[in-house]
Amino acid sequence: MNNLIIDFWYGKISLWRSYWLVGELLNAILLVVVINIDIVLFNNYRFIEKLPSLDFNQFHVLSKFIIIIWTIYITVGIWRSAENYKGNIIWVVLALIVLSYRAFTLRALFF
């Protein structure tokens, strides 16, 4: 398991696995966990009123920290996987566009 985490960080995992399994599936699971942590541990229900689009300003500081660290981790891992990808360039470009947008939306945690 430790090698898998390190291999992902250095982009040694294939692009499709990095993007779809870690960047989308695990990211969605982590967001559900963080939302539940915010509700259970901090009794924070304020952001549920705006559920179609989460208002990250309403999250607890610990939840924001987890999301920031996780986003940096998956962005670096997927970016490096895209750089190592030897297939069609369109998949690299699309992955980098999505990663750039995801990183750009981190500002929602602070403003």
PDB file of N, CA and C in Angstrom:
ATOM      1  N   MET A   1       0.823  -1.194   0.000  1.00  0.00           N
ATOM      2  CA  MET A   1       0.000   0.000   0.000  1.00  0.00           C
ATOM      3  C   MET A   1       0.868   1.258   0.000  1.00  0.00           C
ATOM      4  N   ASN A   2       1.933   1.237   0.790  1.00  0.00           N
ATOM      5  CA  ASN A   2       2.825   2.386   0.856  1.00  0.00           C
ATOM      6  C   ASN A   2       3.459   2.668  -0.501  1.00  0.00           C
ATOM      7  N   ASN A   3       3.867   1.602  -1.217  1.00  0.00           N
ATOM      8  CA  ASN A   3       4.446   1.787  -2.547  1.00  0.00           C
ATOM      9  C   ASN A   3       3.436   2.382  -3.517  1.00  0.00           C
ATOM     10  N   LEU A   4       2.179   2.011  -3.387  1.00  0.00           N
ATOM     11  CA  LEU A   4       1.135   2.528  -4.267  1.00  0.00           C
ATOM     12  C   LEU A   4       0.958   4.034  -4.069  1.00  0.00           C
ATOM     13  N   ILE A   5       1.007   4.480  -2.829  1.00  0.00           N
ATOM     14  CA  ILE A   5       0.877   5.905  -2.529  1.00  0.00           C
ATOM     15  C   ILE A   5       2.071   6.674  -3.092  1.00  0.00           C
ATOM     16  N   ILE A   6       3.259   6.126  -2.912  1.00  0.00           N
ATOM     17  CA  ILE A   6       4.473   6.774  -3.419  1.00  0.00           C
ATOM     18  C   ILE A   6       4.512   6.727  -4.941  1.00  0.00           C
ATOM     19  N   ASP A   7       4.141   5.581  -5.530  1.00  0.00           N
ATOM     20  CA  ASP A   7       4.109   5.473  -6.992  1.00  0.00           C
ATOM     21  C   ASP A   7       3.128   6.468  -7.599  1.00  0.00           C
ATOM     22  N   PHE A   8       1.985   6.664  -6.948  1.00  0.00           N
ATOM     23  CA  PHE A   8       1.027   7.652  -7.446  1.00  0.00           C
ATOM     24  C   PHE A   8       1.635   9.046  -7.398  1.00  0.00           C
ATOM     25  N   TRP A   9       2.278   9.399  -6.303  1.00  0.00           N
ATOM     26  CA  TRP A   9       2.872  10.724  -6.145  1.00  0.00           C
ATOM     27  C   TRP A   9       3.881  11.023  -7.244  1.00  0.00           C
ATOM     28  N   TYR A  10       4.670  10.003  -7.621  1.00  0.00           N
ATOM     29  CA  TYR A  10       5.695  10.202  -8.650  1.00  0.00           C
ATOM     30  C   TYR A  10       5.191   9.940 -10.066  1.00  0.00           C
ATOM     31  N   GLY A  11       3.909   9.690 -10.234  1.00  0.00           N
ATOM     32  CA  GLY A  11       3.329   9.534 -11.559  1.00  0.00           C
ATOM     33  C   GLY A  11       3.631   8.207 -12.222  1.00  0.00           C
ATOM     34  N   LYS A  12       3.908   7.193 -11.434  1.00  0.00           N
ATOM     35  CA  LYS A  12       4.239   5.879 -11.986  1.00  0.00           C
ATOM     36  C   LYS A  12       2.999   5.015 -12.216  1.00  0.00           C
ATOM     37  N   ILE A  13       1.846   5.537 -11.879  1.00  0.00           N
ATOM     38  CA  ILE A  13       0.575   4.858 -12.122  1.00  0.00           C
ATOM     39  C   ILE A  13       0.047   5.356 -13.466  1.00  0.00           C
ATOM     40  N   SER A  14      -0.613   4.488 -14.211  1.00  0.00           N
ATOM     41  CA  SER A  14      -1.115   4.889 -15.528  1.00  0.00           C
ATOM     42  C   SER A  14      -2.095   6.061 -15.395  1.00  0.00           C
ATOM     43  N   LEU A  15      -2.177   6.849 -16.460  1.00  0.00           N
ATOM     44  CA  LEU A  15      -2.992   8.061 -16.433  1.00  0.00           C
ATOM     45  C   LEU A  15      -4.453   7.744 -16.159  1.00  0.00           C
ATOM     46  N   TRP A  16      -4.997   6.730 -16.799  1.00  0.00           N
ATOM     47  CA  TRP A  16      -6.423   6.450 -16.593  1.00  0.00           C
ATOM     48  C   TRP A  16      -6.691   6.028 -15.157  1.00  0.00           C
ATOM     49  N   ARG A  17      -5.799   5.268 -14.553  1.00  0.00           N
ATOM     50  CA  ARG A  17      -5.996   4.869 -13.151  1.00  0.00           C
ATOM     51  C   ARG A  17      -5.839   6.063 -12.221  1.00  0.00           C
ATOM     52  N   SER A  18      -4.849   6.877 -12.507  1.00  0.00           N
ATOM     53  CA  SER A  18      -4.633   8.058 -11.675  1.00  0.00           C
ATOM     54  C   SER A  18      -5.835   8.987 -11.726  1.00  0.00           C
ATOM     55  N   TYR A  19      -6.307   9.256 -12.930  1.00  0.00           N
ATOM     56  CA  TYR A  19      -7.401  10.207 -13.076  1.00  0.00           C
ATOM     57  C   TYR A  19      -8.730   9.642 -12.581  1.00  0.00           C
ATOM     58  N   TRP A  20      -9.124   8.485 -13.100  1.00  0.00           N
ATOM     59  CA  TRP A  20     -10.451   7.964 -12.796  1.00  0.00           C
ATOM     60  C   TRP A  20     -10.563   7.347 -11.411  1.00  0.00           C
ATOM     61  N   LEU A  21      -9.565   6.571 -11.010  1.00  0.00           N
ATOM     62  CA  LEU A  21      -9.687   5.894  -9.719  1.00  0.00           C
ATOM     63  C   LEU A  21      -9.345   6.816  -8.548  1.00  0.00           C
ATOM     64  N   VAL A  22      -8.264   7.553  -8.667  1.00  0.00           N
ATOM     65  CA  VAL A  22      -7.863   8.428  -7.561  1.00  0.00           C
ATOM     66  C   VAL A  22      -8.520   9.793  -7.698  1.00  0.00           C
ATOM     67  N   GLY A  23      -8.403  10.404  -8.862  1.00  0.00           N
ATOM     68  CA  GLY A  23      -8.879  11.768  -9.054  1.00  0.00           C
ATOM     69  C   GLY A  23     -10.378  11.925  -9.017  1.00  0.00           C
ATOM     70  N   GLU A  24     -11.103  10.919  -9.403  1.00  0.00           N
ATOM     71  CA  GLU A  24     -12.558  11.026  -9.405  1.00  0.00           C
ATOM     72  C   GLU A  24     -13.203  10.170  -8.314  1.00  0.00           C
ATOM     73  N   LEU A  25     -12.945   8.861  -8.330  1.00  0.00           N
ATOM     74  CA  LEU A  25     -13.613   7.963  -7.389  1.00  0.00           C
ATOM     75  C   LEU A  25     -13.181   8.231  -5.941  1.00  0.00           C
ATOM     76  N   LEU A  26     -11.887   8.179  -5.670  1.00  0.00           N
ATOM     77  CA  LEU A  26     -11.417   8.421  -4.304  1.00  0.00           C
ATOM     78  C   LEU A  26     -11.669   9.859  -3.866  1.00  0.00           C
ATOM     79  N   ASN A  27     -11.612  10.781  -4.800  1.00  0.00           N
ATOM     80  CA  ASN A  27     -11.904  12.171  -4.472  1.00  0.00           C
ATOM     81  C   ASN A  27     -13.358  12.324  -4.021  1.00  0.00           C
ATOM     82  N   ALA A  28     -14.282  11.690  -4.712  1.00  0.00           N
ATOM     83  CA  ALA A  28     -15.693  11.754  -4.316  1.00  0.00           C
ATOM     84  C   ALA A  28     -15.906  11.110  -2.952  1.00  0.00           C
ATOM     85  N   ILE A  29     -15.260   9.980  -2.718  1.00  0.00           N
ATOM     86  CA  ILE A  29     -15.381   9.308  -1.424  1.00  0.00           C
ATOM     87  C   ILE A  29     -14.818  10.187  -0.312  1.00  0.00           C
ATOM     88  N   LEU A  30     -13.664  10.801  -0.564  1.00  0.00           N
ATOM     89  CA  LEU A  30     -13.069  11.663   0.451  1.00  0.00           C
ATOM     90  C   LEU A  30     -13.967  12.854   0.757  1.00  0.00           C
ATOM     91  N   LEU A  31     -14.579  13.449  -0.249  1.00  0.00           N
ATOM     92  CA  LEU A  31     -15.478  14.579  -0.007  1.00  0.00           C
ATOM     93  C   LEU A  31     -16.681  14.174   0.843  1.00  0.00           C
ATOM     94  N   VAL A  32     -17.219  12.994   0.601  1.00  0.00           N
ATOM     95  CA  VAL A  32     -18.331  12.504   1.417  1.00  0.00           C
ATOM     96  C   VAL A  32     -17.866  12.297   2.859  1.00  0.00           C
ATOM     97  N   VAL A  33     -16.673  11.756   3.042  1.00  0.00           N
ATOM     98  CA  VAL A  33     -16.132  11.546   4.380  1.00  0.00           C
ATOM     99  C   VAL A  33     -15.917  12.883   5.083  1.00  0.00           C
ATOM    100  N   VAL A  34     -15.344  13.857   4.380  1.00  0.00           N
ATOM    101  CA  VAL A  34     -15.092  15.169   4.978  1.00  0.00           C
ATOM    102  C   VAL A  34     -16.410  15.853   5.350  1.00  0.00           C
ATOM    103  N   ILE A  35     -17.403  15.745   4.501  1.00  0.00           N
ATOM    104  CA  ILE A  35     -18.715  16.328   4.818  1.00  0.00           C
ATOM    105  C   ILE A  35     -19.287  15.682   6.069  1.00  0.00           C
ATOM    106  N   ASN A  36     -19.180  14.371   6.167  1.00  0.00           N
ATOM    107  CA  ASN A  36     -19.686  13.680   7.351  1.00  0.00           C
ATOM    108  C   ASN A  36     -18.885  14.019   8.603  1.00  0.00           C
ATOM    109  N   ILE A  37     -17.577  14.186   8.456  1.00  0.00           N
ATOM    110  CA  ILE A  37     -16.755  14.616   9.594  1.00  0.00           C
ATOM    111  C   ILE A  37     -17.214  15.995  10.061  1.00  0.00           C
ATOM    112  N   ASP A  38     -17.463  16.871   9.126  1.00  0.00           N
ATOM    113  CA  ASP A  38     -17.914  18.219   9.468  1.00  0.00           C
ATOM    114  C   ASP A  38     -19.246  18.183  10.195  1.00  0.00           C
ATOM    115  N   ILE A  39     -20.132  17.309   9.775  1.00  0.00           N
ATOM    116  CA  ILE A  39     -21.448  17.221  10.403  1.00  0.00           C
ATOM    117  C   ILE A  39     -21.358  16.564  11.778  1.00  0.00           C
ATOM    118  N   VAL A  40     -20.669  15.431  11.869  1.00  0.00           N
ATOM    119  CA  VAL A  40     -20.652  14.656  13.113  1.00  0.00           C
ATOM    120  C   VAL A  40     -19.750  15.287  14.176  1.00  0.00           C
ATOM    121  N   LEU A  41     -18.516  15.603  13.824  1.00  0.00           N
ATOM    122  CA  LEU A  41     -17.570  16.105  14.820  1.00  0.00           C
ATOM    123  C   LEU A  41     -17.802  17.574  15.183  1.00  0.00           C
ATOM    124  N   PHE A  42     -18.149  18.375  14.211  1.00  0.00           N
ATOM    125  CA  PHE A  42     -18.246  19.813  14.441  1.00  0.00           C
ATOM    126  C   PHE A  42     -19.681  20.325  14.439  1.00  0.00           C
ATOM    127  N   ASN A  43     -20.640  19.409  14.267  1.00  0.00           N
ATOM    128  CA  ASN A  43     -22.054  19.764  14.273  1.00  0.00           C
ATOM    129  C   ASN A  43     -22.331  20.929  13.319  1.00  0.00           C
ATOM    130  N   ASN A  44     -21.748  20.837  12.144  1.00  0.00           N
ATOM    131  CA  ASN A  44     -21.826  21.915  11.157  1.00  0.00           C
ATOM    132  C   ASN A  44     -22.814  21.522  10.055  1.00  0.00           C
ATOM    133  N   TYR A  45     -23.968  22.150  10.067  1.00  0.00           N
ATOM    134  CA  TYR A  45     -24.989  21.889   9.063  1.00  0.00           C
ATOM    135  C   TYR A  45     -25.198  23.078   8.133  1.00  0.00           C
ATOM    136  N   ARG A  46     -24.389  24.121   8.289  1.00  0.00           N
ATOM    137  CA  ARG A  46     -24.611  25.363   7.548  1.00  0.00           C
ATOM    138  C   ARG A  46     -24.508  25.204   6.040  1.00  0.00           C
ATOM    139  N   PHE A  47     -23.611  24.359   5.565  1.00  0.00           N
ATOM    140  CA  PHE A  47     -23.399  24.248   4.119  1.00  0.00           C
ATOM    141  C   PHE A  47     -24.442  23.382   3.434  1.00  0.00           C
ATOM    142  N   ILE A  48     -25.239  22.653   4.188  1.00  0.00           N
ATOM    143  CA  ILE A  48     -26.245  21.761   3.596  1.00  0.00           C
ATOM    144  C   ILE A  48     -27.341  22.565   2.900  1.00  0.00           C
ATOM    145  N   GLU A  49     -27.573  23.779   3.348  1.00  0.00           N
ATOM    146  CA  GLU A  49     -28.591  24.626   2.711  1.00  0.00           C
ATOM    147  C   GLU A  49     -28.263  24.902   1.247  1.00  0.00           C
ATOM    148  N   LYS A  50     -26.989  24.861   0.892  1.00  0.00           N
ATOM    149  CA  LYS A  50     -26.545  25.147  -0.477  1.00  0.00           C
ATOM    150  C   LYS A  50     -26.007  23.890  -1.129  1.00  0.00           C
ATOM    151  N   LEU A  51     -26.627  22.741  -0.889  1.00  0.00           N
ATOM    152  CA  LEU A  51     -26.074  21.469  -1.317  1.00  0.00           C
ATOM    153  C   LEU A  51     -25.814  21.312  -2.812  1.00  0.00           C
ATOM    154  N   PRO A  52     -26.628  21.829  -3.716  1.00  0.00           N
ATOM    155  CA  PRO A  52     -26.261  21.628  -5.126  1.00  0.00           C
ATOM    156  C   PRO A  52     -24.851  22.122  -5.448  1.00  0.00           C
ATOM    157  N   SER A  53     -24.424  23.189  -4.798  1.00  0.00           N
ATOM    158  CA  SER A  53     -23.041  23.650  -4.938  1.00  0.00           C
ATOM    159  C   SER A  53     -22.523  23.903  -3.524  1.00  0.00           C
ATOM    160  N   LEU A  54     -21.588  23.089  -3.097  1.00  0.00           N
ATOM    161  CA  LEU A  54     -21.079  23.208  -1.736  1.00  0.00           C
ATOM    162  C   LEU A  54     -20.401  24.551  -1.510  1.00  0.00           C
ATOM    163  N   ASP A  55     -20.695  25.151  -0.397  1.00  0.00           N
ATOM    164  CA  ASP A  55     -20.057  26.402  -0.007  1.00  0.00           C
ATOM    165  C   ASP A  55     -18.930  26.053   0.956  1.00  0.00           C
ATOM    166  N   PHE A  56     -17.714  25.989   0.443  1.00  0.00           N
ATOM    167  CA  PHE A  56     -16.585  25.570   1.259  1.00  0.00           C
ATOM    168  C   PHE A  56     -16.248  26.581   2.344  1.00  0.00           C
ATOM    169  N   ASN A  57     -16.753  27.800   2.240  1.00  0.00           N
ATOM    170  CA  ASN A  57     -16.526  28.781   3.295  1.00  0.00           C
ATOM    171  C   ASN A  57     -17.152  28.355   4.607  1.00  0.00           C
ATOM    172  N   GLN A  58     -18.166  27.535   4.541  1.00  0.00           N
ATOM    173  CA  GLN A  58     -18.882  27.101   5.729  1.00  0.00           C
ATOM    174  C   GLN A  58     -18.225  25.903   6.417  1.00  0.00           C
ATOM    175  N   PHE A  59     -17.217  25.311   5.798  1.00  0.00           N
ATOM    176  CA  PHE A  59     -16.558  24.147   6.370  1.00  0.00           C
ATOM    177  C   PHE A  59     -15.669  24.550   7.540  1.00  0.00           C
ATOM    178  N   HIS A  60     -15.430  23.610   8.417  1.00  0.00           N
ATOM    179  CA  HIS A  60     -14.517  23.815   9.537  1.00  0.00           C
ATOM    180  C   HIS A  60     -13.080  23.886   9.004  1.00  0.00           C
ATOM    181  N   VAL A  61     -12.187  24.513   9.744  1.00  0.00           N
ATOM    182  CA  VAL A  61     -10.792  24.691   9.322  1.00  0.00           C
ATOM    183  C   VAL A  61     -10.113  23.343   9.067  1.00  0.00           C
ATOM    184  N   LEU A  62     -10.379  22.352   9.908  1.00  0.00           N
ATOM    185  CA  LEU A  62      -9.784  21.029   9.720  1.00  0.00           C
ATOM    186  C   LEU A  62     -10.246  20.399   8.403  1.00  0.00           C
ATOM    187  N   SER A  63     -11.514  20.549   8.096  1.00  0.00           N
ATOM    188  CA  SER A  63     -12.039  20.014   6.835  1.00  0.00           C
ATOM    189  C   SER A  63     -11.401  20.708   5.645  1.00  0.00           C
ATOM    190  N   LYS A  64     -11.230  22.015   5.733  1.00  0.00           N
ATOM    191  CA  LYS A  64     -10.566  22.759   4.658  1.00  0.00           C
ATOM    192  C   LYS A  64      -9.131  22.285   4.481  1.00  0.00           C
ATOM    193  N   PHE A  65      -8.439  22.062   5.585  1.00  0.00           N
ATOM    194  CA  PHE A  65      -7.056  21.598   5.531  1.00  0.00           C
ATOM    195  C   PHE A  65      -6.964  20.230   4.854  1.00  0.00           C
ATOM    196  N   ILE A  66      -7.854  19.317   5.201  1.00  0.00           N
ATOM    197  CA  ILE A  66      -7.867  17.985   4.588  1.00  0.00           C
ATOM    198  C   ILE A  66      -8.098  18.097   3.087  1.00  0.00           C
ATOM    199  N   ILE A  67      -9.044  18.919   2.688  1.00  0.00           N
ATOM    200  CA  ILE A  67      -9.355  19.073   1.261  1.00  0.00           C
ATOM    201  C   ILE A  67      -8.171  19.681   0.512  1.00  0.00           C
ATOM    202  N   ILE A  68      -7.518  20.668   1.106  1.00  0.00           N
ATOM    203  CA  ILE A  68      -6.372  21.300   0.444  1.00  0.00           C
ATOM    204  C   ILE A  68      -5.237  20.306   0.263  1.00  0.00           C
ATOM    205  N   ILE A  69      -4.880  19.567   1.306  1.00  0.00           N
ATOM    206  CA  ILE A  69      -3.792  18.591   1.222  1.00  0.00           C
ATOM    207  C   ILE A  69      -4.138  17.507   0.208  1.00  0.00           C
ATOM    208  N   TRP A  70      -5.358  17.011   0.245  1.00  0.00           N
ATOM    209  CA  TRP A  70      -5.782  15.969  -0.690  1.00  0.00           C
ATOM    210  C   TRP A  70      -5.747  16.480  -2.131  1.00  0.00           C
ATOM    211  N   THR A  71      -6.224  17.687  -2.357  1.00  0.00           N
ATOM    212  CA  THR A  71      -6.237  18.237  -3.710  1.00  0.00           C
ATOM    213  C   THR A  71      -4.821  18.419  -4.248  1.00  0.00           C
ATOM    214  N   ILE A  72      -3.921  18.880  -3.412  1.00  0.00           N
ATOM    215  CA  ILE A  72      -2.523  19.013  -3.834  1.00  0.00           C
ATOM    216  C   ILE A  72      -1.954  17.637  -4.176  1.00  0.00           C
ATOM    217  N   TYR A  73      -2.218  16.652  -3.342  1.00  0.00           N
ATOM    218  CA  TYR A  73      -1.703  15.297  -3.575  1.00  0.00           C
ATOM    219  C   TYR A  73      -2.209  14.717  -4.901  1.00  0.00           C
ATOM    220  N   ILE A  74      -3.520  14.777  -5.127  1.00  0.00           N
ATOM    221  CA  ILE A  74      -4.030  14.175  -6.366  1.00  0.00           C
ATOM    222  C   ILE A  74      -3.641  14.986  -7.588  1.00  0.00           C
ATOM    223  N   THR A  75      -3.533  16.307  -7.450  1.00  0.00           N
ATOM    224  CA  THR A  75      -3.128  17.126  -8.582  1.00  0.00           C
ATOM    225  C   THR A  75      -1.708  16.804  -9.012  1.00  0.00           C
ATOM    226  N   VAL A  76      -0.797  16.711  -8.064  1.00  0.00           N
ATOM    227  CA  VAL A  76       0.597  16.390  -8.393  1.00  0.00           C
ATOM    228  C   VAL A  76       0.704  14.991  -8.982  1.00  0.00           C
ATOM    229  N   GLY A  77       0.029  14.021  -8.385  1.00  0.00           N
ATOM    230  CA  GLY A  77       0.095  12.647  -8.882  1.00  0.00           C
ATOM    231  C   GLY A  77      -0.449  12.486 -10.287  1.00  0.00           C
ATOM    232  N   ILE A  78      -1.598  13.084 -10.543  1.00  0.00           N
ATOM    233  CA  ILE A  78      -2.201  12.974 -11.875  1.00  0.00           C
ATOM    234  C   ILE A  78      -1.387  13.772 -12.890  1.00  0.00           C
ATOM    235  N   TRP A  79      -0.902  14.934 -12.499  1.00  0.00           N
ATOM    236  CA  TRP A  79      -0.089  15.751 -13.403  1.00  0.00           C
ATOM    237  C   TRP A  79       1.159  14.978 -13.837  1.00  0.00           C
ATOM    238  N   ARG A  80       1.813  14.353 -12.888  1.00  0.00           N
ATOM    239  CA  ARG A  80       3.013  13.581 -13.216  1.00  0.00           C
ATOM    240  C   ARG A  80       2.679  12.361 -14.066  1.00  0.00           C
ATOM    241  N   SER A  81       1.533  11.724 -13.813  1.00  0.00           N
ATOM    242  CA  SER A  81       1.103  10.613 -14.658  1.00  0.00           C
ATOM    243  C   SER A  81       0.853  11.085 -16.084  1.00  0.00           C
ATOM    244  N   ALA A  82       0.273  12.274 -16.215  1.00  0.00           N
ATOM    245  CA  ALA A  82       0.021  12.836 -17.549  1.00  0.00           C
ATOM    246  C   ALA A  82       1.337  13.124 -18.265  1.00  0.00           C
ATOM    247  N   GLU A  83       2.331  13.607 -17.536  1.00  0.00           N
ATOM    248  CA  GLU A  83       3.633  13.864 -18.152  1.00  0.00           C
ATOM    249  C   GLU A  83       4.306  12.574 -18.613  1.00  0.00           C
ATOM    250  N   ASN A  84       4.050  11.481 -17.925  1.00  0.00           N
ATOM    251  CA  ASN A  84       4.660  10.192 -18.280  1.00  0.00           C
ATOM    252  C   ASN A  84       3.839   9.414 -19.308  1.00  0.00           C
ATOM    253  N   TYR A  85       2.653   9.895 -19.644  1.00  0.00           N
ATOM    254  CA  TYR A  85       1.762   9.184 -20.553  1.00  0.00           C
ATOM    255  C   TYR A  85       2.328   9.176 -21.969  1.00  0.00           C
ATOM    256  N   LYS A  86       2.290   8.027 -22.616  1.00  0.00           N
ATOM    257  CA  LYS A  86       2.862   7.888 -23.959  1.00  0.00           C
ATOM    258  C   LYS A  86       1.803   7.742 -25.054  1.00  0.00           C
ATOM    259  N   GLY A  87       0.532   7.881 -24.711  1.00  0.00           N
ATOM    260  CA  GLY A  87      -0.538   7.705 -25.689  1.00  0.00           C
ATOM    261  C   GLY A  87      -0.892   9.008 -26.392  1.00  0.00           C
ATOM    262  N   ASN A  88      -2.153   9.108 -26.768  1.00  0.00           N
ATOM    263  CA  ASN A  88      -2.673  10.256 -27.496  1.00  0.00           C
ATOM    264  C   ASN A  88      -2.578  11.522 -26.639  1.00  0.00           C
ATOM    265  N   ILE A  89      -2.087  12.594 -27.231  1.00  0.00           N
ATOM    266  CA  ILE A  89      -1.853  13.849 -26.519  1.00  0.00           C
ATOM    267  C   ILE A  89      -3.150  14.486 -26.025  1.00  0.00           C
ATOM    268  N   ILE A  90      -4.274  14.187 -26.649  1.00  0.00           N
ATOM    269  CA  ILE A  90      -5.541  14.787 -26.245  1.00  0.00           C
ATOM    270  C   ILE A  90      -5.887  14.423 -24.809  1.00  0.00           C
ATOM    271  N   TRP A  91      -5.556  13.189 -24.371  1.00  0.00           N
ATOM    272  CA  TRP A  91      -5.852  12.767 -23.001  1.00  0.00           C
ATOM    273  C   TRP A  91      -4.985  13.518 -21.998  1.00  0.00           C
ATOM    274  N   VAL A  92      -3.780  13.813 -22.389  1.00  0.00           N
ATOM    275  CA  VAL A  92      -2.895  14.596 -21.526  1.00  0.00           C
ATOM    276  C   VAL A  92      -3.432  16.012 -21.380  1.00  0.00           C
ATOM    277  N   VAL A  93      -3.810  16.618 -22.491  1.00  0.00           N
ATOM    278  CA  VAL A  93      -4.322  17.985 -22.473  1.00  0.00           C
ATOM    279  C   VAL A  93      -5.603  18.066 -21.649  1.00  0.00           C
ATOM    280  N   LEU A  94      -6.517  17.139 -21.858  1.00  0.00           N
ATOM    281  CA  LEU A  94      -7.772  17.142 -21.093  1.00  0.00           C
ATOM    282  C   LEU A  94      -7.525  16.966 -19.602  1.00  0.00           C
ATOM    283  N   ALA A  95      -6.638  16.054 -19.247  1.00  0.00           N
ATOM    284  CA  ALA A  95      -6.324  15.829 -17.831  1.00  0.00           C
ATOM    285  C   ALA A  95      -5.718  17.083 -17.208  1.00  0.00           C
ATOM    286  N   LEU A  96      -4.824  17.744 -17.915  1.00  0.00           N
ATOM    287  CA  LEU A  96      -4.187  18.940 -17.376  1.00  0.00           C
ATOM    288  C   LEU A  96      -5.169  20.104 -17.253  1.00  0.00           C
ATOM    289  N   ILE A  97      -6.118  20.199 -18.165  1.00  0.00           N
ATOM    290  CA  ILE A  97      -7.143  21.239 -18.076  1.00  0.00           C
ATOM    291  C   ILE A  97      -8.005  21.018 -16.837  1.00  0.00           C
ATOM    292  N   VAL A  98      -8.436  19.788 -16.629  1.00  0.00           N
ATOM    293  CA  VAL A  98      -9.266  19.479 -15.459  1.00  0.00           C
ATOM    294  C   VAL A  98      -8.489  19.719 -14.166  1.00  0.00           C
ATOM    295  N   LEU A  99      -7.232  19.332 -14.139  1.00  0.00           N
ATOM    296  CA  LEU A  99      -6.415  19.548 -12.944  1.00  0.00           C
ATOM    297  C   LEU A  99      -6.212  21.030 -12.670  1.00  0.00           C
ATOM    298  N   SER A 100      -6.011  21.802 -13.709  1.00  0.00           N
ATOM    299  CA  SER A 100      -5.844  23.245 -13.539  1.00  0.00           C
ATOM    300  C   SER A 100      -7.109  23.873 -12.977  1.00  0.00           C
ATOM    301  N   TYR A 101      -8.238  23.439 -13.483  1.00  0.00           N
ATOM    302  CA  TYR A 101      -9.507  23.953 -12.964  1.00  0.00           C
ATOM    303  C   TYR A 101      -9.702  23.559 -11.509  1.00  0.00           C
ATOM    304  N   ARG A 102      -9.394  22.326 -11.179  1.00  0.00           N
ATOM    305  CA  ARG A 102      -9.542  21.848  -9.801  1.00  0.00           C
ATOM    306  C   ARG A 102      -8.652  22.648  -8.852  1.00  0.00           C
ATOM    307  N   ALA A 103      -7.448  22.903  -9.257  1.00  0.00           N
ATOM    308  CA  ALA A 103      -6.527  23.690  -8.426  1.00  0.00           C
ATOM    309  C   ALA A 103      -7.019  25.134  -8.305  1.00  0.00           C
ATOM    310  N   PHE A 104      -7.566  25.674  -9.383  1.00  0.00           N
ATOM    311  CA  PHE A 104      -8.083  27.033  -9.366  1.00  0.00           C
ATOM    312  C   PHE A 104      -9.263  27.170  -8.401  1.00  0.00           C
ATOM    313  N   THR A 105     -10.075  26.134  -8.305  1.00  0.00           N
ATOM    314  CA  THR A 105     -11.252  26.198  -7.426  1.00  0.00           C
ATOM    315  C   THR A 105     -10.895  26.092  -5.952  1.00  0.00           C
ATOM    316  N   LEU A 106      -9.659  25.806  -5.635  1.00  0.00           N
ATOM    317  CA  LEU A 106      -9.254  25.801  -4.225  1.00  0.00           C
ATOM    318  C   LEU A 106      -9.438  27.181  -3.594  1.00  0.00           C
ATOM    319  N   ARG A 107      -9.428  28.200  -4.381  1.00  0.00           N
ATOM    320  CA  ARG A 107      -9.603  29.538  -3.841  1.00  0.00           C
ATOM    321  C   ARG A 107     -10.961  29.679  -3.163  1.00  0.00           C
ATOM    322  N   ALA A 108     -11.918  28.819  -3.524  1.00  0.00           N
ATOM    323  CA  ALA A 108     -13.238  28.859  -2.889  1.00  0.00           C
ATOM    324  C   ALA A 108     -13.153  28.532  -1.398  1.00  0.00           C
ATOM    325  N   LEU A 109     -12.076  27.893  -0.980  1.00  0.00           N
ATOM    326  CA  LEU A 109     -11.913  27.578   0.430  1.00  0.00           C
ATOM    327  C   LEU A 109     -11.556  28.796   1.274  1.00  0.00           C
ATOM    328  N   PHE A 110     -11.078  29.842   0.619  1.00  0.00           N
ATOM    329  CA  PHE A 110     -10.599  30.989   1.358  1.00  0.00           C
ATOM    330  C   PHE A 110     -11.437  32.249   1.165  1.00  0.00           C
ATOM    331  N   PHE A 111     -12.201  32.343   0.091  1.00  0.00           N
ATOM    332  CA  PHE A 111     -12.948  33.567  -0.191  1.00  0.00           C
ATOM    333  C   PHE A 111     -14.425  33.347  -0.120  1.00  0.00           C
TER     334      PHE A 111
END
